[in-house]
Amino acid sequence: DEEEHEHHHHHHHEGCACGHDHDADEIFDSIGLEVFKKVDRSHLAEILEEMAEGCTYGGIVRAKGMLACTDGTWVNFDMVPEQVEIREADPENIGKFVVIGTELQKDKIKALFND
């Protein structure tokens, strides 16, 4: 006999060092940027790791986009807590960077790509 189980799906991100519990019913904020400057791929990886693990930019649950790199290539990237993926992409006209989360530090996020 199998017992019936009630399932509660709360999206707690164990790896988030922010001290926040990210529940599914939280109201998320987002910021989308057009990025015209080229970025260093290793620097992009560092930024995304910080977003995935730290609080510098807010309680980030997702970041994605495509950017031109200083080596002449373009990359697509995806970030969720504890997972960062960067892969080669076809060239575009304008880079894009989207961040979703809570208590976003929008000025800090904008400053990453507009110096």
PDB file of N, CA and C in Angstrom:
ATOM      1  N   ASP A   1       0.830  -1.197   0.000  1.00  0.00           N
ATOM      2  CA  ASP A   1       0.000   0.000   0.000  1.00  0.00           C
ATOM      3  C   ASP A   1       0.867   1.250   0.000  1.00  0.00           C
ATOM      4  N   GLU A   2       0.593   2.105  -0.946  1.00  0.00           N
ATOM      5  CA  GLU A   2       1.320   3.377  -0.980  1.00  0.00           C
ATOM      6  C   GLU A   2       0.505   4.425  -0.253  1.00  0.00           C
ATOM      7  N   GLU A   3       1.153   5.163   0.596  1.00  0.00           N
ATOM      8  CA  GLU A   3       0.476   6.255   1.278  1.00  0.00           C
ATOM      9  C   GLU A   3       0.385   7.450   0.351  1.00  0.00           C
ATOM     10  N   GLU A   4      -0.665   8.215   0.519  1.00  0.00           N
ATOM     11  CA  GLU A   4      -0.760   9.468  -0.223  1.00  0.00           C
ATOM     12  C   GLU A   4       0.115  10.491   0.459  1.00  0.00           C
ATOM     13  N   HIS A   5       0.856  11.209  -0.329  1.00  0.00           N
ATOM     14  CA  HIS A   5       1.724  12.242   0.217  1.00  0.00           C
ATOM     15  C   HIS A   5       1.297  13.583  -0.312  1.00  0.00           C
ATOM     16  N   GLU A   6       1.316  14.552   0.559  1.00  0.00           N
ATOM     17  CA  GLU A   6       1.064  15.914   0.126  1.00  0.00           C
ATOM     18  C   GLU A   6       2.402  16.520  -0.244  1.00  0.00           C
ATOM     19  N   HIS A   7       2.487  17.139  -1.375  1.00  0.00           N
ATOM     20  CA  HIS A   7       3.741  17.723  -1.823  1.00  0.00           C
ATOM     21  C   HIS A   7       3.667  19.230  -1.747  1.00  0.00           C
ATOM     22  N   HIS A   8       4.618  19.816  -1.076  1.00  0.00           N
ATOM     23  CA  HIS A   8       4.742  21.270  -1.024  1.00  0.00           C
ATOM     24  C   HIS A   8       5.996  21.637  -1.785  1.00  0.00           C
ATOM     25  N   HIS A   9       5.835  22.458  -2.776  1.00  0.00           N
ATOM     26  CA  HIS A   9       6.979  22.849  -3.585  1.00  0.00           C
ATOM     27  C   HIS A   9       7.360  24.278  -3.266  1.00  0.00           C
ATOM     28  N   HIS A  10       8.311  24.420  -2.404  1.00  0.00           N
ATOM     29  CA  HIS A  10       8.898  25.726  -2.131  1.00  0.00           C
ATOM     30  C   HIS A  10      10.265  25.716  -2.781  1.00  0.00           C
ATOM     31  N   HIS A  11      10.585  26.782  -3.438  1.00  0.00           N
ATOM     32  CA  HIS A  11      11.859  26.840  -4.138  1.00  0.00           C
ATOM     33  C   HIS A  11      12.901  27.478  -3.238  1.00  0.00           C
ATOM     34  N   HIS A  12      13.485  26.674  -2.373  1.00  0.00           N
ATOM     35  CA  HIS A  12      14.557  27.144  -1.503  1.00  0.00           C
ATOM     36  C   HIS A  12      15.862  26.844  -2.213  1.00  0.00           C
ATOM     37  N   HIS A  13      16.705  27.818  -2.328  1.00  0.00           N
ATOM     38  CA  HIS A  13      17.980  27.622  -2.991  1.00  0.00           C
ATOM     39  C   HIS A  13      19.049  27.461  -1.928  1.00  0.00           C
ATOM     40  N   GLU A  14      19.401  26.223  -1.680  1.00  0.00           N
ATOM     41  CA  GLU A  14      20.309  25.894  -0.589  1.00  0.00           C
ATOM     42  C   GLU A  14      21.648  26.604  -0.707  1.00  0.00           C
ATOM     43  N   GLY A  15      22.124  26.801  -1.935  1.00  0.00           N
ATOM     44  CA  GLY A  15      23.445  27.371  -2.127  1.00  0.00           C
ATOM     45  C   GLY A  15      23.500  28.877  -1.986  1.00  0.00           C
ATOM     46  N   CYS A  16      22.375  29.522  -1.835  1.00  0.00           N
ATOM     47  CA  CYS A  16      22.366  30.976  -1.757  1.00  0.00           C
ATOM     48  C   CYS A  16      22.877  31.406  -0.392  1.00  0.00           C
ATOM     49  N   ALA A  17      23.909  32.203  -0.401  1.00  0.00           N
ATOM     50  CA  ALA A  17      24.512  32.644   0.854  1.00  0.00           C
ATOM     51  C   ALA A  17      23.868  33.923   1.370  1.00  0.00           C
ATOM     52  N   CYS A  18      22.774  34.329   0.765  1.00  0.00           N
ATOM     53  CA  CYS A  18      22.155  35.610   1.116  1.00  0.00           C
ATOM     54  C   CYS A  18      21.400  35.559   2.435  1.00  0.00           C
ATOM     55  N   GLY A  19      21.090  34.351   2.920  1.00  0.00           N
ATOM     56  CA  GLY A  19      20.283  34.260   4.121  1.00  0.00           C
ATOM     57  C   GLY A  19      18.807  34.453   3.817  1.00  0.00           C
ATOM     58  N   HIS A  20      18.445  34.486   2.544  1.00  0.00           N
ATOM     59  CA  HIS A  20      17.047  34.610   2.154  1.00  0.00           C
ATOM     60  C   HIS A  20      16.500  33.222   1.856  1.00  0.00           C
ATOM     61  N   ASP A  21      15.235  33.009   2.146  1.00  0.00           N
ATOM     62  CA  ASP A  21      14.542  31.837   1.628  1.00  0.00           C
ATOM     63  C   ASP A  21      13.798  32.314   0.403  1.00  0.00           C
ATOM     64  N   HIS A  22      14.135  31.757  -0.756  1.00  0.00           N
ATOM     65  CA  HIS A  22      13.474  32.178  -1.984  1.00  0.00           C
ATOM     66  C   HIS A  22      12.262  31.283  -2.212  1.00  0.00           C
ATOM     67  N   ASP A  23      11.086  31.718  -1.770  1.00  0.00           N
ATOM     68  CA  ASP A  23       9.868  30.948  -1.944  1.00  0.00           C
ATOM     69  C   ASP A  23       9.237  31.251  -3.288  1.00  0.00           C
ATOM     70  N   ALA A  24       8.484  30.287  -3.796  1.00  0.00           N
ATOM     71  CA  ALA A  24       7.848  30.448  -5.101  1.00  0.00           C
ATOM     72  C   ALA A  24       6.864  31.611  -5.106  1.00  0.00           C
ATOM     73  N   ASP A  25       6.312  31.950  -3.943  1.00  0.00           N
ATOM     74  CA  ASP A  25       5.327  33.038  -3.908  1.00  0.00           C
ATOM     75  C   ASP A  25       5.966  34.412  -3.704  1.00  0.00           C
ATOM     76  N   GLU A  26       7.288  34.470  -3.684  1.00  0.00           N
ATOM     77  CA  GLU A  26       7.963  35.762  -3.586  1.00  0.00           C
ATOM     78  C   GLU A  26       7.723  36.578  -4.839  1.00  0.00           C
ATOM     79  N   ILE A  27       7.702  37.869  -4.680  1.00  0.00           N
ATOM     80  CA  ILE A  27       7.607  38.756  -5.825  1.00  0.00           C
ATOM     81  C   ILE A  27       9.024  39.036  -6.303  1.00  0.00           C
ATOM     82  N   PHE A  28       9.305  38.624  -7.521  1.00  0.00           N
ATOM     83  CA  PHE A  28      10.638  38.836  -8.062  1.00  0.00           C
ATOM     84  C   PHE A  28      10.691  40.131  -8.851  1.00  0.00           C
ATOM     85  N   ASP A  29      11.849  40.718  -8.845  1.00  0.00           N
ATOM     86  CA  ASP A  29      12.129  41.921  -9.608  1.00  0.00           C
ATOM     87  C   ASP A  29      13.065  41.509 -10.741  1.00  0.00           C
ATOM     88  N   SER A  30      13.150  42.337 -11.764  1.00  0.00           N
ATOM     89  CA  SER A  30      14.079  42.010 -12.845  1.00  0.00           C
ATOM     90  C   SER A  30      14.667  43.281 -13.430  1.00  0.00           C
ATOM     91  N   ILE A  31      15.788  43.114 -14.088  1.00  0.00           N
ATOM     92  CA  ILE A  31      16.418  44.209 -14.813  1.00  0.00           C
ATOM     93  C   ILE A  31      16.946  43.631 -16.122  1.00  0.00           C
ATOM     94  N   GLY A  32      16.733  44.363 -17.190  1.00  0.00           N
ATOM     95  CA  GLY A  32      17.253  43.959 -18.492  1.00  0.00           C
ATOM     96  C   GLY A  32      18.103  45.081 -19.054  1.00  0.00           C
ATOM     97  N   LEU A  33      19.273  44.741 -19.532  1.00  0.00           N
ATOM     98  CA  LEU A  33      20.202  45.744 -20.057  1.00  0.00           C
ATOM     99  C   LEU A  33      20.609  45.404 -21.479  1.00  0.00           C
ATOM    100  N   GLU A  34      20.787  46.445 -22.289  1.00  0.00           N
ATOM    101  CA  GLU A  34      21.483  46.284 -23.557  1.00  0.00           C
ATOM    102  C   GLU A  34      22.938  46.610 -23.271  1.00  0.00           C
ATOM    103  N   VAL A  35      23.835  45.753 -23.723  1.00  0.00           N
ATOM    104  CA  VAL A  35      25.256  45.900 -23.411  1.00  0.00           C
ATOM    105  C   VAL A  35      26.025  46.098 -24.716  1.00  0.00           C
ATOM    106  N   PHE A  36      26.689  47.234 -24.821  1.00  0.00           N
ATOM    107  CA  PHE A  36      27.405  47.565 -26.048  1.00  0.00           C
ATOM    108  C   PHE A  36      28.897  47.262 -25.961  1.00  0.00           C
ATOM    109  N   LYS A  37      29.433  47.181 -24.736  1.00  0.00           N
ATOM    110  CA  LYS A  37      30.875  46.935 -24.627  1.00  0.00           C
ATOM    111  C   LYS A  37      31.171  45.440 -24.643  1.00  0.00           C
ATOM    112  N   LYS A  38      32.391  45.107 -25.022  1.00  0.00           N
ATOM    113  CA  LYS A  38      32.831  43.718 -25.026  1.00  0.00           C
ATOM    114  C   LYS A  38      33.330  43.355 -23.631  1.00  0.00           C
ATOM    115  N   VAL A  39      33.083  42.123 -23.241  1.00  0.00           N
ATOM    116  CA  VAL A  39      33.487  41.668 -21.916  1.00  0.00           C
ATOM    117  C   VAL A  39      34.519  40.557 -22.037  1.00  0.00           C
ATOM    118  N   ASP A  40      35.370  40.476 -21.049  1.00  0.00           N
ATOM    119  CA  ASP A  40      36.328  39.387 -20.951  1.00  0.00           C
ATOM    120  C   ASP A  40      35.576  38.145 -20.453  1.00  0.00           C
ATOM    121  N   ARG A  41      35.735  37.041 -21.155  1.00  0.00           N
ATOM    122  CA  ARG A  41      34.966  35.839 -20.827  1.00  0.00           C
ATOM    123  C   ARG A  41      35.221  35.352 -19.396  1.00  0.00           C
ATOM    124  N   SER A  42      36.473  35.389 -18.944  1.00  0.00           N
ATOM    125  CA  SER A  42      36.754  34.933 -17.572  1.00  0.00           C
ATOM    126  C   SER A  42      36.156  35.894 -16.546  1.00  0.00           C
ATOM    127  N   HIS A  43      36.121  37.192 -16.872  1.00  0.00           N
ATOM    128  CA  HIS A  43      35.490  38.162 -15.968  1.00  0.00           C
ATOM    129  C   HIS A  43      33.981  37.918 -15.906  1.00  0.00           C
ATOM    130  N   LEU A  44      33.365  37.607 -17.047  1.00  0.00           N
ATOM    131  CA  LEU A  44      31.938  37.271 -17.063  1.00  0.00           C
ATOM    132  C   LEU A  44      31.675  36.062 -16.170  1.00  0.00           C
ATOM    133  N   ALA A  45      32.525  35.047 -16.254  1.00  0.00           N
ATOM    134  CA  ALA A  45      32.362  33.855 -15.413  1.00  0.00           C
ATOM    135  C   ALA A  45      32.431  34.224 -13.934  1.00  0.00           C
ATOM    136  N   GLU A  46      33.357  35.118 -13.572  1.00  0.00           N
ATOM    137  CA  GLU A  46      33.472  35.567 -12.175  1.00  0.00           C
ATOM    138  C   GLU A  46      32.211  36.295 -11.729  1.00  0.00           C
ATOM    139  N   ILE A  47      31.688  37.173 -12.584  1.00  0.00           N
ATOM    140  CA  ILE A  47      30.462  37.910 -12.259  1.00  0.00           C
ATOM    141  C   ILE A  47      29.310  36.936 -12.018  1.00  0.00           C
ATOM    142  N   LEU A  48      29.154  35.971 -12.918  1.00  0.00           N
ATOM    143  CA  LEU A  48      28.049  35.021 -12.799  1.00  0.00           C
ATOM    144  C   LEU A  48      28.197  34.134 -11.570  1.00  0.00           C
ATOM    145  N   GLU A  49      29.431  33.731 -11.239  1.00  0.00           N
ATOM    146  CA  GLU A  49      29.654  32.943 -10.018  1.00  0.00           C
ATOM    147  C   GLU A  49      29.263  33.754  -8.785  1.00  0.00           C
ATOM    148  N   GLU A  50      29.623  35.033  -8.765  1.00  0.00           N
ATOM    149  CA  GLU A  50      29.256  35.892  -7.636  1.00  0.00           C
ATOM    150  C   GLU A  50      27.740  36.027  -7.545  1.00  0.00           C
ATOM    151  N   MET A  51      27.074  36.169  -8.688  1.00  0.00           N
ATOM    152  CA  MET A  51      25.608  36.258  -8.687  1.00  0.00           C
ATOM    153  C   MET A  51      24.980  34.964  -8.184  1.00  0.00           C
ATOM    154  N   ALA A  52      25.577  33.832  -8.536  1.00  0.00           N
ATOM    155  CA  ALA A  52      25.038  32.526  -8.147  1.00  0.00           C
ATOM    156  C   ALA A  52      25.228  32.245  -6.661  1.00  0.00           C
ATOM    157  N   GLU A  53      26.313  32.774  -6.073  1.00  0.00           N
ATOM    158  CA  GLU A  53      26.679  32.368  -4.717  1.00  0.00           C
ATOM    159  C   GLU A  53      26.622  33.478  -3.685  1.00  0.00           C
ATOM    160  N   GLY A  54      26.680  34.717  -4.104  1.00  0.00           N
ATOM    161  CA  GLY A  54      26.812  35.804  -3.144  1.00  0.00           C
ATOM    162  C   GLY A  54      25.606  36.713  -3.091  1.00  0.00           C
ATOM    163  N   CYS A  55      25.758  37.820  -2.387  1.00  0.00           N
ATOM    164  CA  CYS A  55      24.680  38.789  -2.191  1.00  0.00           C
ATOM    165  C   CYS A  55      24.994  40.149  -2.782  1.00  0.00           C
ATOM    166  N   THR A  56      26.151  40.292  -3.394  1.00  0.00           N
ATOM    167  CA  THR A  56      26.604  41.590  -3.874  1.00  0.00           C
ATOM    168  C   THR A  56      25.560  42.279  -4.738  1.00  0.00           C
ATOM    169  N   TYR A  57      24.870  41.502  -5.577  1.00  0.00           N
ATOM    170  CA  TYR A  57      23.932  42.079  -6.542  1.00  0.00           C
ATOM    171  C   TYR A  57      22.474  41.823  -6.179  1.00  0.00           C
ATOM    172  N   GLY A  58      22.211  41.282  -4.985  1.00  0.00           N
ATOM    173  CA  GLY A  58      20.859  40.953  -4.551  1.00  0.00           C
ATOM    174  C   GLY A  58      20.682  39.445  -4.480  1.00  0.00           C
ATOM    175  N   GLY A  59      19.460  39.023  -4.228  1.00  0.00           N
ATOM    176  CA  GLY A  59      19.144  37.594  -4.164  1.00  0.00           C
ATOM    177  C   GLY A  59      18.771  37.098  -5.549  1.00  0.00           C
ATOM    178  N   ILE A  60      19.755  36.782  -6.354  1.00  0.00           N
ATOM    179  CA  ILE A  60      19.526  36.474  -7.760  1.00  0.00           C
ATOM    180  C   ILE A  60      19.171  35.003  -7.944  1.00  0.00           C
ATOM    181  N   VAL A  61      18.058  34.766  -8.635  1.00  0.00           N
ATOM    182  CA  VAL A  61      17.622  33.398  -8.903  1.00  0.00           C
ATOM    183  C   VAL A  61      17.841  33.005 -10.358  1.00  0.00           C
ATOM    184  N   ARG A  62      18.086  33.997 -11.234  1.00  0.00           N
ATOM    185  CA  ARG A  62      18.319  33.685 -12.648  1.00  0.00           C
ATOM    186  C   ARG A  62      18.986  34.868 -13.325  1.00  0.00           C
ATOM    187  N   ALA A  63      19.938  34.573 -14.184  1.00  0.00           N
ATOM    188  CA  ALA A  63      20.527  35.581 -15.068  1.00  0.00           C
ATOM    189  C   ALA A  63      20.760  34.895 -16.403  1.00  0.00           C
ATOM    190  N   LYS A  64      20.539  35.625 -17.474  1.00  0.00           N
ATOM    191  CA  LYS A  64      20.765  35.043 -18.797  1.00  0.00           C
ATOM    192  C   LYS A  64      21.027  36.162 -19.789  1.00  0.00           C
ATOM    193  N   GLY A  65      21.574  35.786 -20.926  1.00  0.00           N
ATOM    194  CA  GLY A  65      21.793  36.781 -21.954  1.00  0.00           C
ATOM    195  C   GLY A  65      22.818  36.340 -22.967  1.00  0.00           C
ATOM    196  N   MET A  66      23.244  37.313 -23.770  1.00  0.00           N
ATOM    197  CA  MET A  66      24.306  37.086 -24.739  1.00  0.00           C
ATOM    198  C   MET A  66      25.143  38.346 -24.823  1.00  0.00           C
ATOM    199  N   LEU A  67      26.449  38.140 -24.906  1.00  0.00           N
ATOM    200  CA  LEU A  67      27.383  39.259 -24.887  1.00  0.00           C
ATOM    201  C   LEU A  67      28.517  39.029 -25.880  1.00  0.00           C
ATOM    202  N   ALA A  68      29.065  40.141 -26.360  1.00  0.00           N
ATOM    203  CA  ALA A  68      30.270  40.098 -27.184  1.00  0.00           C
ATOM    204  C   ALA A  68      31.473  40.028 -26.253  1.00  0.00           C
ATOM    205  N   CYS A  69      32.438  39.205 -26.618  1.00  0.00           N
ATOM    206  CA  CYS A  69      33.640  39.052 -25.795  1.00  0.00           C
ATOM    207  C   CYS A  69      34.819  39.791 -26.416  1.00  0.00           C
ATOM    208  N   THR A  70      35.790  40.100 -25.573  1.00  0.00           N
ATOM    209  CA  THR A  70      36.980  40.822 -26.017  1.00  0.00           C
ATOM    210  C   THR A  70      37.795  40.024 -27.030  1.00  0.00           C
ATOM    211  N   ASP A  71      37.619  38.697 -27.065  1.00  0.00           N
ATOM    212  CA  ASP A  71      38.366  37.873 -28.026  1.00  0.00           C
ATOM    213  C   ASP A  71      37.675  37.790 -29.394  1.00  0.00           C
ATOM    214  N   GLY A  72      36.592  38.559 -29.587  1.00  0.00           N
ATOM    215  CA  GLY A  72      35.904  38.593 -30.873  1.00  0.00           C
ATOM    216  C   GLY A  72      34.748  37.616 -31.007  1.00  0.00           C
ATOM    217  N   THR A  73      34.553  36.745 -30.023  1.00  0.00           N
ATOM    218  CA  THR A  73      33.442  35.791 -30.064  1.00  0.00           C
ATOM    219  C   THR A  73      32.231  36.371 -29.336  1.00  0.00           C
ATOM    220  N   TRP A  74      31.105  35.688 -29.465  1.00  0.00           N
ATOM    221  CA  TRP A  74      29.898  35.993 -28.698  1.00  0.00           C
ATOM    222  C   TRP A  74      29.576  34.774 -27.852  1.00  0.00           C
ATOM    223  N   VAL A  75      28.974  35.005 -26.690  1.00  0.00           N
ATOM    224  CA  VAL A  75      28.563  33.900 -25.826  1.00  0.00           C
ATOM    225  C   VAL A  75      27.117  34.081 -25.383  1.00  0.00           C
ATOM    226  N   ASN A  76      26.437  32.953 -25.222  1.00  0.00           N
ATOM    227  CA  ASN A  76      25.170  32.892 -24.494  1.00  0.00           C
ATOM    228  C   ASN A  76      25.528  32.446 -23.091  1.00  0.00           C
ATOM    229  N   PHE A  77      24.787  32.927 -22.100  1.00  0.00           N
ATOM    230  CA  PHE A  77      25.043  32.447 -20.746  1.00  0.00           C
ATOM    231  C   PHE A  77      23.744  32.289 -19.994  1.00  0.00           C
ATOM    232  N   ASP A  78      23.753  31.359 -19.041  1.00  0.00           N
ATOM    233  CA  ASP A  78      22.635  31.100 -18.142  1.00  0.00           C
ATOM    234  C   ASP A  78      23.193  30.901 -16.757  1.00  0.00           C
ATOM    235  N   MET A  79      22.521  31.469 -15.763  1.00  0.00           N
ATOM    236  CA  MET A  79      22.927  31.290 -14.379  1.00  0.00           C
ATOM    237  C   MET A  79      21.692  31.045 -13.546  1.00  0.00           C
ATOM    238  N   VAL A  80      21.719  29.984 -12.786  1.00  0.00           N
ATOM    239  CA  VAL A  80      20.777  29.744 -11.704  1.00  0.00           C
ATOM    240  C   VAL A  80      21.650  29.411 -10.500  1.00  0.00           C
ATOM    241  N   PRO A  81      21.111  29.507  -9.286  1.00  0.00           N
ATOM    242  CA  PRO A  81      21.975  29.217  -8.133  1.00  0.00           C
ATOM    243  C   PRO A  81      22.700  27.880  -8.294  1.00  0.00           C
ATOM    244  N   GLU A  82      24.003  27.918  -8.048  1.00  0.00           N
ATOM    245  CA  GLU A  82      24.878  26.752  -8.110  1.00  0.00           C
ATOM    246  C   GLU A  82      25.132  26.227  -9.517  1.00  0.00           C
ATOM    247  N   GLN A  83      24.714  26.948 -10.558  1.00  0.00           N
ATOM    248  CA  GLN A  83      25.000  26.478 -11.912  1.00  0.00           C
ATOM    249  C   GLN A  83      25.180  27.662 -12.855  1.00  0.00           C
ATOM    250  N   VAL A  84      26.337  27.699 -13.482  1.00  0.00           N
ATOM    251  CA  VAL A  84      26.648  28.733 -14.463  1.00  0.00           C
ATOM    252  C   VAL A  84      27.043  28.035 -15.758  1.00  0.00           C
ATOM    253  N   GLU A  85      26.450  28.467 -16.865  1.00  0.00           N
ATOM    254  CA  GLU A  85      26.784  27.889 -18.165  1.00  0.00           C
ATOM    255  C   GLU A  85      27.075  29.019 -19.145  1.00  0.00           C
ATOM    256  N   ILE A  86      28.231  28.941 -19.786  1.00  0.00           N
ATOM    257  CA  ILE A  86      28.625  29.916 -20.803  1.00  0.00           C
ATOM    258  C   ILE A  86      28.994  29.123 -22.051  1.00  0.00           C
ATOM    259  N   ARG A  87      28.400  29.472 -23.193  1.00  0.00           N
ATOM    260  CA  ARG A  87      28.695  28.737 -24.424  1.00  0.00           C
ATOM    261  C   ARG A  87      28.775  29.690 -25.615  1.00  0.00           C
ATOM    262  N   GLU A  88      29.500  29.280 -26.638  1.00  0.00           N
ATOM    263  CA  GLU A  88      29.663  30.093 -27.852  1.00  0.00           C
ATOM    264  C   GLU A  88      28.302  30.347 -28.482  1.00  0.00           C
ATOM    265  N   ALA A  89      28.172  31.520 -29.123  1.00  0.00           N
ATOM    266  CA  ALA A  89      26.907  31.891 -29.753  1.00  0.00           C
ATOM    267  C   ALA A  89      27.179  32.574 -31.081  1.00  0.00           C
ATOM    268  N   ASP A  90      26.150  32.655 -31.895  1.00  0.00           N
ATOM    269  CA  ASP A  90      26.249  33.407 -33.139  1.00  0.00           C
ATOM    270  C   ASP A  90      26.273  34.894 -32.809  1.00  0.00           C
ATOM    271  N   PRO A  91      26.996  35.677 -33.597  1.00  0.00           N
ATOM    272  CA  PRO A  91      27.061  37.123 -33.345  1.00  0.00           C
ATOM    273  C   PRO A  91      25.690  37.795 -33.437  1.00  0.00           C
ATOM    274  N   GLU A  92      25.489  38.788 -32.605  1.00  0.00           N
ATOM    275  CA  GLU A  92      24.279  39.609 -32.603  1.00  0.00           C
ATOM    276  C   GLU A  92      24.701  41.061 -32.767  1.00  0.00           C
ATOM    277  N   ASN A  93      23.730  41.942 -32.891  1.00  0.00           N
ATOM    278  CA  ASN A  93      24.039  43.373 -32.995  1.00  0.00           C
ATOM    279  C   ASN A  93      24.305  44.001 -31.634  1.00  0.00           C
ATOM    280  N   ILE A  94      23.523  43.576 -30.636  1.00  0.00           N
ATOM    281  CA  ILE A  94      23.600  44.186 -29.308  1.00  0.00           C
ATOM    282  C   ILE A  94      23.597  43.077 -28.261  1.00  0.00           C
ATOM    283  N   GLY A  95      24.470  43.222 -27.259  1.00  0.00           N
ATOM    284  CA  GLY A  95      24.466  42.274 -26.154  1.00  0.00           C
ATOM    285  C   GLY A  95      23.273  42.523 -25.243  1.00  0.00           C
ATOM    286  N   LYS A  96      22.824  41.471 -24.575  1.00  0.00           N
ATOM    287  CA  LYS A  96      21.697  41.586 -23.642  1.00  0.00           C
ATOM    288  C   LYS A  96      22.035  40.828 -22.364  1.00  0.00           C
ATOM    289  N   PHE A  97      21.571  41.391 -21.245  1.00  0.00           N
ATOM    290  CA  PHE A  97      21.835  40.800 -19.937  1.00  0.00           C
ATOM    291  C   PHE A  97      20.568  40.970 -19.111  1.00  0.00           C
ATOM    292  N   VAL A  98      19.967  39.876 -18.648  1.00  0.00           N
ATOM    293  CA  VAL A  98      18.738  39.925 -17.862  1.00  0.00           C
ATOM    294  C   VAL A  98      19.001  39.256 -16.516  1.00  0.00           C
ATOM    295  N   VAL A  99      18.565  39.913 -15.443  1.00  0.00           N
ATOM    296  CA  VAL A  99      18.742  39.385 -14.091  1.00  0.00           C
ATOM    297  C   VAL A  99      17.383  39.378 -13.399  1.00  0.00           C
ATOM    298  N   ILE A 100      17.051  38.269 -12.732  1.00  0.00           N
ATOM    299  CA  ILE A 100      15.796  38.128 -12.002  1.00  0.00           C
ATOM    300  C   ILE A 100      16.131  37.738 -10.570  1.00  0.00           C
ATOM    301  N   GLY A 101      15.469  38.382  -9.605  1.00  0.00           N
ATOM    302  CA  GLY A 101      15.720  38.046  -8.209  1.00  0.00           C
ATOM    303  C   GLY A 101      14.979  38.971  -7.271  1.00  0.00           C
ATOM    304  N   THR A 102      15.445  39.018  -6.044  1.00  0.00           N
ATOM    305  CA  THR A 102      14.848  39.884  -5.029  1.00  0.00           C
ATOM    306  C   THR A 102      15.901  40.872  -4.543  1.00  0.00           C
ATOM    307  N   GLU A 103      15.436  42.030  -4.136  1.00  0.00           N
ATOM    308  CA  GLU A 103      16.325  43.075  -3.608  1.00  0.00           C
ATOM    309  C   GLU A 103      17.517  43.311  -4.533  1.00  0.00           C
ATOM    310  N   LEU A 104      17.242  43.397  -5.838  1.00  0.00           N
ATOM    311  CA  LEU A 104      18.315  43.578  -6.817  1.00  0.00           C
ATOM    312  C   LEU A 104      19.034  44.899  -6.601  1.00  0.00           C
ATOM    313  N   GLN A 105      20.344  44.842  -6.679  1.00  0.00           N
ATOM    314  CA  GLN A 105      21.184  46.038  -6.584  1.00  0.00           C
ATOM    315  C   GLN A 105      21.392  46.552  -8.010  1.00  0.00           C
ATOM    316  N   LYS A 106      20.355  47.215  -8.537  1.00  0.00           N
ATOM    317  CA  LYS A 106      20.337  47.566  -9.962  1.00  0.00           C
ATOM    318  C   LYS A 106      21.489  48.478 -10.364  1.00  0.00           C
ATOM    319  N   ASP A 107      21.863  49.414  -9.519  1.00  0.00           N
ATOM    320  CA  ASP A 107      22.978  50.302  -9.871  1.00  0.00           C
ATOM    321  C   ASP A 107      24.280  49.512 -10.004  1.00  0.00           C
ATOM    322  N   LYS A 108      24.488  48.547  -9.101  1.00  0.00           N
ATOM    323  CA  LYS A 108      25.699  47.714  -9.174  1.00  0.00           C
ATOM    324  C   LYS A 108      25.682  46.839 -10.424  1.00  0.00           C
ATOM    325  N   ILE A 109      24.507  46.321 -10.770  1.00  0.00           N
ATOM    326  CA  ILE A 109      24.393  45.474 -11.958  1.00  0.00           C
ATOM    327  C   ILE A 109      24.669  46.305 -13.212  1.00  0.00           C
ATOM    328  N   LYS A 110      24.072  47.489 -13.293  1.00  0.00           N
ATOM    329  CA  LYS A 110      24.306  48.370 -14.451  1.00  0.00           C
ATOM    330  C   LYS A 110      25.782  48.741 -14.566  1.00  0.00           C
ATOM    331  N   ALA A 111      26.428  48.990 -13.438  1.00  0.00           N
ATOM    332  CA  ALA A 111      27.832  49.419 -13.436  1.00  0.00           C
ATOM    333  C   ALA A 111      28.771  48.335 -13.981  1.00  0.00           C
ATOM    334  N   LEU A 112      28.352  47.079 -13.947  1.00  0.00           N
ATOM    335  CA  LEU A 112      29.192  45.989 -14.449  1.00  0.00           C
ATOM    336  C   LEU A 112      29.533  46.157 -15.923  1.00  0.00           C
ATOM    337  N   PHE A 113      28.619  46.744 -16.673  1.00  0.00           N
ATOM    338  CA  PHE A 113      28.772  46.781 -18.128  1.00  0.00           C
ATOM    339  C   PHE A 113      28.829  48.188 -18.702  1.00  0.00           C
ATOM    340  N   ASN A 114      28.859  49.186 -17.854  1.00  0.00           N
ATOM    341  CA  ASN A 114      28.840  50.570 -18.336  1.00  0.00           C
ATOM    342  C   ASN A 114      29.908  51.413 -17.667  1.00  0.00           C
ATOM    343  N   ASP A 115      31.180  51.019 -17.829  1.00  0.00           N
ATOM    344  CA  ASP A 115      32.187  51.857 -17.191  1.00  0.00           C
ATOM    345  C   ASP A 115      32.927  52.711 -18.195  1.00  0.00           C
TER     346      ASP A 115
END
